[in-house]
């Protein structure tokens, strides 16, 4: 069984000399995506004999994952494991992450930081942010996950062949889960230990969180347009109808329009109609595209 370990790397020259030799002892193929690093990340990866994918400039985490997926397809591997290059993940956890795929119990396996006492090793602000983002993600998928943003994952060959990724930033983790869930791929979590030694993350938590939330909204609206736009549309139309009733009643009793009631009723009805039209048009467009692909 061919297994590829893919590491997205941006300015990780200090960590790669420790990580690559340890991974090589497992006899797996190793691919490093050098995402426009300004240090010697690419040169060090080549020196240690890894497969190197070079981006001419920094394109983002999602772009790195996309390139690693492409390389995995080219190499026709059976399992791809994505593994952070910042020293947070333990080499020994790889076996646990790939085992459910080997046993055909799952198509995607996520190494979760929140399934055992490893949670206490996660800084509180990250823990809170991850939980919020995970709750938002869980709205859009079938499974109920504990750590939707973990970069430590394993993907089966079928997932690699079926998924086409678009997101260039940190939202790619959510994009993968939403698209995989819509294709009925089985997603499973296993516990991993996380090693936080100082500030190992290079991602701004506010930028990261915003990117993921926007990504979730975008892909949810495309996967389920009738639900995403239709439900708010009905709510606005109901509110608009109520205010329209009171507006008409006021006119009948007083003989003139109540400006506030009229504006609110007209505004909410208009928003409801726009959302309903958007839901119908987007649903029709997405259906046509899906039928074309099939």
Foldseek 3Di string as FASTA:
>chain_A
DAEEEEEEDAQLVVQCVPPVVVLVVVVHAYEYEHQAHPDCPQVVCVVSPHHYHYDVHHQAPLVSVLVVLVVCVVVVGFKYWYDYRLPFFDPVCLCVQCVCVVVVNFFKEAADCPPDPLLVVDDPVVQVLQQVLLVLLCVQADDRDNGLQGRGMMGGSVLSVPDDFDDRYSLRSSVSRNVCRLVVGGYYYDYGHTDDDDPSDPDDSVVNSVSNNVSSLVSSCLSQVCVSLVVLLVVLLVVLVVLVVVQVVCCVVPVDGDVVSVCSSVVSNVSSVVSVVRSVVSVVVSVVVVVVVD
